[in-house]
């Protein structure tokens, strides 16, 4: 564990260790390539859509 997590309660340290273990065991999704999709970062991840220069937040 890193130094910044040592001051956390034992329960929080255990939760972080369990989450790290789950991330290590997780398999990466084998998704097909999107046809006709948007270029650049995934808009849903960043919370906005842009089309023809107009940004729409949701």
C-alpha atoms as a PDB file:
ATOM      1  CA  UNK A   1       0.000   0.000   0.000  1.00  0.00           C
ATOM      2  CA  UNK A   2       1.151   3.508  -0.662  1.00  0.00           C
ATOM      3  CA  UNK A   3       2.026   5.961   2.070  1.00  0.00           C
ATOM      4  CA  UNK A   4      -1.101   8.072   1.509  1.00  0.00           C
ATOM      5  CA  UNK A   5      -3.401   5.132   2.349  1.00  0.00           C
ATOM      6  CA  UNK A   6      -1.663   4.254   5.628  1.00  0.00           C
ATOM      7  CA  UNK A   7      -3.602   6.936   7.521  1.00  0.00           C
ATOM      8  CA  UNK A   8      -6.934   5.412   6.447  1.00  0.00           C
ATOM      9  CA  UNK A   9      -8.947   3.166   8.761  1.00  0.00           C
ATOM     10  CA  UNK A  10      -8.309  -0.586   8.363  1.00  0.00           C
ATOM     11  CA  UNK A  11     -11.723  -1.055   6.745  1.00  0.00           C
ATOM     12  CA  UNK A  12     -10.916   1.483   4.039  1.00  0.00           C
ATOM     13  CA  UNK A  13      -7.498  -0.085   3.444  1.00  0.00           C
ATOM     14  CA  UNK A  14      -9.139  -3.498   3.069  1.00  0.00           C
ATOM     15  CA  UNK A  15     -11.737  -2.091   0.648  1.00  0.00           C
ATOM     16  CA  UNK A  16      -9.015  -0.500  -1.479  1.00  0.00           C
ATOM     17  CA  UNK A  17      -7.037  -3.755  -1.534  1.00  0.00           C
ATOM     18  CA  UNK A  18     -10.143  -5.713  -2.569  1.00  0.00           C
ATOM     19  CA  UNK A  19     -10.917  -3.219  -5.334  1.00  0.00           C
ATOM     20  CA  UNK A  20      -7.352  -3.451  -6.627  1.00  0.00           C
ATOM     21  CA  UNK A  21      -7.603  -7.241  -6.684  1.00  0.00           C
ATOM     22  CA  UNK A  22     -10.877  -7.063  -8.645  1.00  0.00           C
ATOM     23  CA  UNK A  23      -9.268  -4.697 -11.167  1.00  0.00           C
ATOM     24  CA  UNK A  24      -6.378  -7.124 -11.655  1.00  0.00           C
ATOM     25  CA  UNK A  25      -8.771 -10.030 -12.265  1.00  0.00           C
ATOM     26  CA  UNK A  26     -11.120  -8.083 -14.563  1.00  0.00           C
ATOM     27  CA  UNK A  27     -10.936  -9.014 -18.206  1.00  0.00           C
ATOM     28  CA  UNK A  28     -10.863  -6.369 -20.856  1.00  0.00           C
ATOM     29  CA  UNK A  29     -13.952  -6.318 -23.054  1.00  0.00           C
ATOM     30  CA  UNK A  30     -13.476  -7.504 -26.611  1.00  0.00           C
ATOM     31  CA  UNK A  31     -15.901  -5.145 -28.325  1.00  0.00           C
ATOM     32  CA  UNK A  32     -16.271  -4.852 -32.099  1.00  0.00           C
ATOM     33  CA  UNK A  33     -15.202  -1.609 -33.747  1.00  0.00           C
ATOM     34  CA  UNK A  34     -17.952   0.984 -33.986  1.00  0.00           C
ATOM     35  CA  UNK A  35     -18.947   1.837 -37.537  1.00  0.00           C
ATOM     36  CA  UNK A  36     -19.728   5.510 -38.137  1.00  0.00           C
ATOM     37  CA  UNK A  37     -18.924   6.469 -34.545  1.00  0.00           C
ATOM     38  CA  UNK A  38     -17.558   9.727 -33.195  1.00  0.00           C
ATOM     39  CA  UNK A  39     -13.859  10.586 -33.263  1.00  0.00           C
ATOM     40  CA  UNK A  40     -11.981  11.532 -30.115  1.00  0.00           C
ATOM     41  CA  UNK A  41     -12.798  10.810 -26.470  1.00  0.00           C
ATOM     42  CA  UNK A  42     -15.985   8.971 -25.568  1.00  0.00           C
ATOM     43  CA  UNK A  43     -18.638  11.708 -25.091  1.00  0.00           C
ATOM     44  CA  UNK A  44     -20.601   9.796 -22.466  1.00  0.00           C
ATOM     45  CA  UNK A  45     -17.503   9.502 -20.305  1.00  0.00           C
ATOM     46  CA  UNK A  46     -16.918  13.253 -20.347  1.00  0.00           C
ATOM     47  CA  UNK A  47     -20.602  14.220 -20.018  1.00  0.00           C
ATOM     48  CA  UNK A  48     -21.207  16.168 -23.209  1.00  0.00           C
ATOM     49  CA  UNK A  49     -21.943  15.682 -26.871  1.00  0.00           C
ATOM     50  CA  UNK A  50     -20.809  17.920 -29.691  1.00  0.00           C
ATOM     51  CA  UNK A  51     -22.306  17.959 -33.146  1.00  0.00           C
ATOM     52  CA  UNK A  52     -21.500  20.573 -35.770  1.00  0.00           C
ATOM     53  CA  UNK A  53     -19.802  22.776 -33.183  1.00  0.00           C
ATOM     54  CA  UNK A  54     -22.663  22.804 -30.670  1.00  0.00           C
ATOM     55  CA  UNK A  55     -22.002  21.185 -27.288  1.00  0.00           C
ATOM     56  CA  UNK A  56     -24.905  19.634 -25.430  1.00  0.00           C
ATOM     57  CA  UNK A  57     -24.422  18.774 -21.750  1.00  0.00           C
ATOM     58  CA  UNK A  58     -26.591  16.269 -19.982  1.00  0.00           C
END
